[in-house]
Amino acid sequence: MADSFNGKKPGLIVTRTPLRISFAGGGTDLAVFYEREGGAVLSTTINKFVYVTVRCHSELFNEAYRVNYSETEHADRLDDIRNDIARECLRLLEVHPPIYISTVADLPAFSGLGSSSSFAVGLLNALHAYRGERVTAGQLAQEACQIEIDVLKRPIGKQDQYAAAFGGLNLFTFCPDGSVTLEPQRRHQNGTIEDLFRHLMMFWTGIQRSAGSILTEQRENVASRLPALRSLRDHAHRLRGILHDRVDPIEIGRTLDETWRVKRVLASGISSDRIDVWYERAIDAGAAGGKLCGAGGGGFLMLIVDPDRQAAVRQTLHDMTEVEVGYETHGSRLLLPAPE
């Protein structure tokens, strides 16, 4: 249930919502699988963000809506907004014009880090604040799923919305009845999450690709890929066990290598000859394992590498751009107005 910010509408709203890395279980968060088998994903948010600004638009601009992203839209009717997430968020929350929405991200879209869901969660968070409402992370995740999956009919799962809303390193369980539970991975007797991130390397392939076609094929293939999907779900639970007992980054890397080799059978286009060459070069240089982030086809190549071997991996992947990332504990946050 939403709570009121003392009945006042803030003049300027800014939210910050993290991107995420999925370690294992991707694909088992699709309804066509979890409704019959139950799914699980282990993922973490990172210190790269999507920022959303919302404010009342001046009537002097003679337009009801301005939406600013990689393009700038000017519209007088809600139905004329081409950015489908922005349009449907405004419709769901019944936010009336004139209104200005702007978004910017730390990393490119279509890179396998869940940016569209981070945008949906961040915009919903901002619009609720604009309406004078304070909402839970669970509500933000549910509303983002409603918009992306139920309204827009995107062939995606639920993991990205929940990761963006809650933040942190979590095991998400997707139950056959559609409910979602999360188990934060916080207790570590030996090793730390920071140690895991010291072993983590991210390389940009330079390939931006919508996950839609891959996920559509993957969804259609579920019945014939059940053993592979069960393995991916089991890998998520295995990683949870490693994190609970002892944070062993190299063992995590080896599990990711198994995950990647299984995941590639789910649909064509998940990998390519070029991506396979990069991956095998990294393994030969000392990486324990890794995978493409997201549905595949491009985006970021994530690797787990002992710090002593990172220079060799960096050298062998000299034709890729490395991006440093760190751990982010928080989900979508309200930056302005500052929360009380």
Protein backbone atom coordinates (compact mmCIF):
# COMPACT_ATOMS: atom_id res chain seq x y z
CA MET A 1 0.00 0.00 0.00
CA ALA A 2 1.35 3.41 -0.94
CA ASP A 3 2.01 6.03 1.72
CA SER A 4 1.73 9.77 1.14
CA PHE A 5 4.61 12.24 1.27
CA ASN A 6 2.42 14.51 3.45
CA GLY A 7 0.16 15.09 0.46
CA LYS A 8 2.78 17.20 -1.35
CA LYS A 9 3.86 16.73 -4.94
CA PRO A 10 7.67 17.13 -5.21
CA GLY A 11 8.84 19.55 -7.89
CA LEU A 12 11.72 17.41 -9.17
CA ILE A 13 12.09 13.62 -8.87
CA VAL A 14 15.31 11.70 -9.55
CA THR A 15 15.71 7.95 -9.08
CA ARG A 16 18.77 5.73 -9.44
CA THR A 17 18.25 2.07 -10.31
CA PRO A 18 21.06 -0.50 -10.64
CA LEU A 19 21.85 -2.79 -13.53
CA ARG A 20 22.41 -6.48 -12.79
CA ILE A 21 24.59 -9.46 -13.56
CA SER A 22 22.91 -12.87 -13.68
CA PHE A 23 25.23 -15.71 -12.68
CA ALA A 24 23.00 -18.74 -13.26
CA GLY A 25 19.40 -19.78 -13.83
CA GLY A 26 18.50 -17.37 -16.61
CA GLY A 27 15.65 -18.80 -18.68
CA THR A 28 14.05 -20.58 -15.74
CA ASP A 29 12.32 -17.29 -14.85
CA LEU A 30 10.15 -17.61 -17.99
CA ALA A 31 6.55 -18.48 -17.10
CA VAL A 32 6.44 -21.33 -19.60
CA PHE A 33 9.12 -23.06 -17.49
CA TYR A 34 8.55 -22.01 -13.88
CA GLU A 35 4.80 -22.69 -14.04
CA ARG A 36 5.56 -26.39 -14.57
CA GLU A 37 8.97 -26.85 -12.95
CA GLY A 38 9.73 -23.88 -10.71
CA GLY A 39 12.71 -21.67 -11.50
CA ALA A 40 15.67 -20.08 -9.73
CA VAL A 41 18.16 -17.34 -10.63
CA LEU A 42 21.19 -16.15 -8.71
CA SER A 43 22.11 -12.58 -9.61
CA THR A 44 23.67 -9.42 -8.25
CA THR A 45 23.23 -5.73 -8.88
CA ILE A 46 26.29 -3.68 -9.84
CA ASN A 47 27.37 -0.08 -9.37
CA LYS A 48 26.19 0.95 -12.83
CA PHE A 49 22.83 2.67 -12.96
CA VAL A 50 19.85 3.98 -14.89
CA TYR A 51 18.83 7.48 -13.77
CA VAL A 52 15.30 8.77 -14.30
CA THR A 53 14.12 12.36 -13.88
CA VAL A 54 10.46 13.33 -13.68
CA ARG A 55 8.99 16.80 -13.22
CA CYS A 56 5.95 18.81 -14.06
CA HIS A 57 6.45 20.21 -17.56
CA SER A 58 5.85 23.90 -18.08
CA GLU A 59 2.73 24.69 -20.06
CA LEU A 60 4.78 27.26 -21.96
CA PHE A 61 6.24 24.42 -24.06
CA ASN A 62 2.82 23.76 -25.62
CA GLU A 63 3.11 19.99 -25.31
CA ALA A 64 1.57 17.53 -22.90
CA TYR A 65 4.47 15.09 -22.76
CA ARG A 66 8.20 15.31 -23.35
CA VAL A 67 10.14 12.05 -23.07
CA ASN A 68 13.90 12.30 -23.38
CA TYR A 69 16.09 9.18 -23.83
CA SER A 70 18.23 8.26 -26.87
CA GLU A 71 15.54 10.20 -28.71
CA THR A 72 13.39 13.15 -27.68
CA GLU A 73 9.64 12.76 -28.04
CA HIS A 74 7.05 15.52 -27.98
CA ALA A 75 3.45 14.31 -27.73
CA ASP A 76 0.07 15.76 -26.95
CA ARG A 77 -1.64 12.40 -26.38
CA LEU A 78 -0.52 9.51 -24.21
CA ASP A 79 -1.14 7.04 -27.05
CA ASP A 80 1.30 8.95 -29.26
CA ILE A 81 4.32 8.25 -27.00
CA ARG A 82 6.51 5.73 -28.82
CA ASN A 83 8.57 4.71 -25.79
CA ASP A 84 6.31 1.87 -24.72
CA ILE A 85 7.60 1.53 -21.15
CA ALA A 86 7.18 5.25 -20.49
CA ARG A 87 3.72 5.25 -22.06
CA GLU A 88 2.44 2.27 -20.08
CA CYS A 89 3.93 3.43 -16.77
CA LEU A 90 2.10 6.73 -17.19
CA ARG A 91 -1.07 4.87 -18.07
CA LEU A 92 -0.83 2.42 -15.17
CA LEU A 93 -0.34 5.12 -12.54
CA GLU A 94 -2.73 7.57 -14.22
CA VAL A 95 -0.20 10.41 -14.16
CA HIS A 96 -1.67 13.46 -15.86
CA PRO A 97 0.19 15.89 -18.10
CA PRO A 98 2.00 18.14 -18.57
CA ILE A 99 4.97 16.01 -17.57
CA TYR A 100 8.65 15.71 -18.49
CA ILE A 101 10.55 12.40 -18.30
CA SER A 102 14.27 12.00 -18.93
CA THR A 103 16.58 9.03 -18.55
CA VAL A 104 20.30 8.36 -18.86
CA ALA A 105 22.31 5.21 -18.16
CA ASP A 106 25.92 4.45 -17.24
CA LEU A 107 26.17 1.65 -19.83
CA PRO A 108 24.57 1.01 -23.25
CA ALA A 109 21.15 -0.52 -23.66
CA PHE A 110 20.79 -4.03 -25.13
CA SER A 111 23.93 -5.13 -23.31
CA GLY A 112 22.52 -8.01 -21.24
CA LEU A 113 22.41 -6.13 -17.94
CA GLY A 114 18.64 -5.72 -17.63
CA SER A 115 18.55 -2.04 -18.54
CA SER A 116 14.97 -1.96 -19.84
CA SER A 117 13.64 -3.42 -16.59
CA SER A 118 15.84 -1.05 -14.57
CA PHE A 119 14.27 1.80 -16.53
CA ALA A 120 10.76 0.46 -15.87
CA VAL A 121 11.43 0.06 -12.13
CA GLY A 122 13.16 3.45 -11.88
CA LEU A 123 10.38 5.25 -13.76
CA LEU A 124 7.67 3.63 -11.66
CA ASN A 125 9.56 4.62 -8.52
CA ALA A 126 9.79 8.22 -9.78
CA LEU A 127 6.15 8.40 -10.83
CA HIS A 128 4.94 7.07 -7.49
CA ALA A 129 7.01 9.77 -5.77
CA TYR A 130 5.57 12.34 -8.17
CA ARG A 131 2.11 11.22 -7.04
CA GLY A 132 3.17 11.61 -3.41
CA GLU A 133 3.42 7.87 -2.77
CA ARG A 134 6.04 5.70 -1.11
CA VAL A 135 5.98 2.08 -2.27
CA THR A 136 7.79 -1.16 -1.53
CA ALA A 137 10.40 -2.86 -3.70
CA GLY A 138 7.99 -5.75 -4.13
CA GLN A 139 5.31 -3.49 -5.55
CA LEU A 140 7.76 -1.87 -7.96
CA ALA A 141 8.88 -5.30 -9.21
CA GLN A 142 5.32 -6.55 -9.63
CA GLU A 143 4.23 -3.43 -11.51
CA ALA A 144 7.28 -3.57 -13.80
CA CYS A 145 6.51 -7.23 -14.57
CA GLN A 146 2.90 -6.31 -15.26
CA ILE A 147 3.93 -3.67 -17.77
CA GLU A 148 6.71 -5.54 -19.55
CA ILE A 149 5.23 -9.05 -19.56
CA ASP A 150 1.45 -8.70 -19.29
CA VAL A 151 0.82 -5.41 -21.10
CA LEU A 152 3.69 -5.19 -23.61
CA LYS A 153 3.87 -8.98 -24.09
CA ARG A 154 7.66 -9.03 -24.10
CA PRO A 155 9.05 -12.60 -24.12
CA ILE A 156 11.07 -12.03 -20.96
CA GLY A 157 11.19 -13.44 -17.46
CA LYS A 158 10.88 -11.85 -14.03
CA GLN A 159 14.44 -11.80 -12.79
CA ASP A 160 15.45 -8.33 -14.03
CA GLN A 161 12.56 -6.44 -12.45
CA TYR A 162 13.11 -8.05 -9.05
CA ALA A 163 16.88 -7.53 -9.13
CA ALA A 164 16.45 -3.85 -10.03
CA ALA A 165 13.85 -3.26 -7.33
CA PHE A 166 15.54 -5.10 -4.44
CA GLY A 167 19.26 -4.83 -5.20
CA GLY A 168 22.06 -6.91 -3.73
CA LEU A 169 23.16 -10.50 -4.31
CA ASN A 170 20.11 -12.77 -4.21
CA LEU A 171 18.76 -16.18 -5.05
CA PHE A 172 15.34 -15.57 -6.61
CA THR A 173 12.89 -18.47 -6.67
CA PHE A 174 10.07 -18.39 -9.22
CA CYS A 175 7.19 -20.52 -8.01
CA PRO A 176 4.61 -22.31 -10.20
CA ASP A 177 1.85 -20.07 -8.81
CA GLY A 178 3.67 -16.98 -10.11
CA SER A 179 4.97 -15.78 -6.75
CA VAL A 180 8.61 -14.84 -6.28
CA THR A 181 10.75 -15.29 -3.18
CA LEU A 182 14.25 -14.00 -2.60
CA GLU A 183 17.05 -15.15 -0.36
CA PRO A 184 19.70 -12.45 0.17
CA GLN A 185 23.24 -13.83 0.15
CA ARG A 186 24.70 -11.92 3.08
CA ARG A 187 26.23 -14.39 5.54
CA HIS A 188 29.76 -15.45 4.67
CA GLN A 189 31.92 -17.29 7.16
CA ASN A 190 34.85 -17.36 4.77
CA GLY A 191 35.42 -14.85 2.00
CA THR A 192 33.34 -11.86 0.97
CA ILE A 193 31.28 -10.61 -1.92
CA GLU A 194 34.01 -8.03 -2.46
CA ASP A 195 36.48 -10.88 -2.97
CA LEU A 196 34.18 -12.29 -5.65
CA PHE A 197 34.14 -8.93 -7.40
CA ARG A 198 37.95 -8.74 -7.25
CA HIS A 199 37.92 -11.87 -9.42
CA LEU A 200 35.25 -10.53 -11.79
CA MET A 201 36.15 -9.01 -15.16
CA MET A 202 33.71 -7.52 -17.66
CA PHE A 203 34.46 -7.00 -21.35
CA TRP A 204 32.25 -5.17 -23.82
CA THR A 205 31.73 -7.09 -27.07
CA GLY A 206 30.57 -3.97 -28.89
CA ILE A 207 27.48 -5.89 -30.01
CA GLN A 208 24.10 -4.45 -29.00
CA ARG A 209 21.21 -6.81 -29.61
CA SER A 210 17.64 -6.94 -28.37
CA ALA A 211 16.98 -10.10 -26.38
CA GLY A 212 13.50 -10.45 -27.89
CA SER A 213 14.26 -12.81 -30.76
CA ILE A 214 16.51 -15.06 -28.67
CA LEU A 215 14.03 -15.22 -25.79
CA THR A 216 11.12 -15.89 -28.14
CA GLU A 217 12.95 -18.87 -29.62
CA GLN A 218 14.05 -19.98 -26.16
CA ARG A 219 10.45 -19.87 -24.92
CA GLU A 220 9.30 -21.91 -27.91
CA ASN A 221 12.06 -24.48 -27.24
CA VAL A 222 11.28 -25.01 -23.54
CA ALA A 223 9.53 -28.36 -23.96
CA SER A 224 12.52 -29.81 -25.80
CA ARG A 225 15.14 -28.20 -23.53
CA LEU A 226 13.82 -29.20 -20.09
CA PRO A 227 17.00 -31.07 -19.01
CA ALA A 228 19.16 -28.04 -19.87
CA LEU A 229 16.86 -25.65 -18.02
CA ARG A 230 16.79 -27.91 -14.98
CA SER A 231 20.60 -27.88 -15.02
CA LEU A 232 20.65 -24.07 -15.13
CA ARG A 233 18.26 -23.91 -12.19
CA ASP A 234 20.42 -26.42 -10.30
CA HIS A 235 23.52 -24.31 -11.03
CA ALA A 236 21.82 -21.35 -9.35
CA HIS A 237 21.29 -23.48 -6.24
CA ARG A 238 24.84 -24.81 -6.43
CA LEU A 239 26.22 -21.26 -6.50
CA ARG A 240 24.03 -20.40 -3.53
CA GLY A 241 25.64 -23.29 -1.67
CA ILE A 242 29.15 -22.10 -2.56
CA LEU A 243 28.32 -18.59 -1.36
CA HIS A 244 26.80 -19.87 1.86
CA ASP A 245 29.61 -22.24 2.82
CA ARG A 246 32.68 -20.43 1.54
CA VAL A 247 33.02 -17.73 -1.09
CA ASP A 248 35.32 -19.51 -3.54
CA PRO A 249 35.50 -17.36 -6.69
CA ILE A 250 37.35 -20.00 -8.70
CA GLU A 251 34.72 -22.64 -7.95
CA ILE A 252 32.08 -20.08 -8.92
CA GLY A 253 33.95 -19.52 -12.17
CA ARG A 254 34.01 -23.24 -12.95
CA THR A 255 30.26 -23.43 -12.36
CA LEU A 256 29.74 -20.46 -14.67
CA ASP A 257 31.72 -22.30 -17.35
CA GLU A 258 29.30 -25.23 -17.04
CA THR A 259 26.37 -22.81 -17.09
CA TRP A 260 27.58 -21.12 -20.27
CA ARG A 261 28.13 -24.39 -22.11
CA VAL A 262 24.61 -25.56 -21.16
CA LYS A 263 22.94 -22.24 -21.90
CA ARG A 264 24.20 -22.18 -25.48
CA VAL A 265 21.87 -25.05 -26.44
CA LEU A 266 18.70 -23.17 -25.45
CA ALA A 267 18.43 -21.16 -28.69
CA SER A 268 20.40 -20.24 -31.77
CA GLY A 269 22.09 -16.87 -31.58
CA ILE A 270 23.04 -17.12 -27.90
CA SER A 271 26.66 -17.28 -28.98
CA SER A 272 28.62 -16.87 -32.22
CA ASP A 273 31.97 -17.90 -33.66
CA ARG A 274 33.42 -14.52 -32.70
CA ILE A 275 32.15 -14.75 -29.12
CA ASP A 276 33.35 -18.35 -28.81
CA VAL A 277 36.85 -17.28 -29.87
CA TRP A 278 36.95 -14.54 -27.22
CA TYR A 279 35.72 -16.92 -24.55
CA GLU A 280 38.20 -19.69 -25.36
CA ARG A 281 41.06 -17.19 -25.49
CA ALA A 282 40.13 -16.03 -22.00
CA ILE A 283 39.98 -19.62 -20.70
CA ASP A 284 43.38 -20.40 -22.25
CA ALA A 285 44.80 -17.29 -20.57
CA GLY A 286 43.63 -18.43 -17.14
CA ALA A 287 39.98 -17.50 -16.65
CA ALA A 288 38.18 -20.06 -14.48
CA GLY A 289 34.95 -19.53 -16.40
CA GLY A 290 32.36 -17.01 -17.39
CA LYS A 291 29.38 -16.31 -19.63
CA LEU A 292 27.69 -13.67 -21.71
CA CYS A 293 25.41 -11.53 -19.61
CA GLY A 294 21.70 -11.61 -20.39
CA ALA A 295 20.04 -13.62 -23.12
CA GLY A 296 23.17 -13.70 -25.27
CA GLY A 297 24.14 -12.67 -28.76
CA GLY A 298 26.31 -9.77 -27.60
CA GLY A 299 26.57 -7.33 -24.73
CA PHE A 300 29.07 -8.02 -21.95
CA LEU A 301 31.31 -11.04 -21.48
CA MET A 302 31.71 -11.72 -17.76
CA LEU A 303 34.70 -13.72 -16.55
CA ILE A 304 35.95 -15.00 -13.20
CA VAL A 305 39.73 -14.72 -13.11
CA ASP A 306 42.31 -15.06 -10.35
CA PRO A 307 43.85 -11.59 -9.85
CA ASP A 308 47.29 -13.01 -10.70
CA ARG A 309 46.02 -14.04 -14.14
CA GLN A 310 43.99 -10.95 -14.98
CA ALA A 311 46.83 -9.21 -16.82
CA ALA A 312 47.12 -12.21 -19.16
CA VAL A 313 43.37 -12.27 -19.80
CA ARG A 314 43.37 -8.52 -20.38
CA GLN A 315 46.17 -8.91 -22.91
CA THR A 316 44.54 -11.75 -24.83
CA LEU A 317 41.26 -9.75 -25.02
CA HIS A 318 43.02 -6.57 -26.14
CA ASP A 319 40.46 -6.08 -28.91
CA MET A 320 37.64 -5.76 -26.35
CA THR A 321 36.89 -2.91 -23.95
CA GLU A 322 37.12 -3.74 -20.26
CA VAL A 323 34.62 -2.12 -17.89
CA GLU A 324 35.20 -2.14 -14.15
CA VAL A 325 32.14 -2.89 -12.01
CA GLY A 326 31.57 -3.19 -8.29
CA TYR A 327 28.93 -4.54 -5.95
CA GLU A 328 25.75 -2.56 -5.30
CA THR A 329 23.67 -3.43 -2.25
CA HIS A 330 20.65 -1.22 -2.96
CA GLY A 331 17.82 -1.49 -5.43
CA SER A 332 15.99 1.47 -6.96
CA ARG A 333 16.47 4.56 -4.80
CA LEU A 334 14.94 8.00 -4.65
CA LEU A 335 17.71 10.62 -4.89
CA LEU A 336 15.52 13.71 -5.15
CA PRO A 337 13.73 14.76 -3.11
CA ALA A 338 16.04 13.26 -0.50
CA PRO A 339 14.18 10.57 1.47
CA GLU A 340 13.45 11.42 5.08
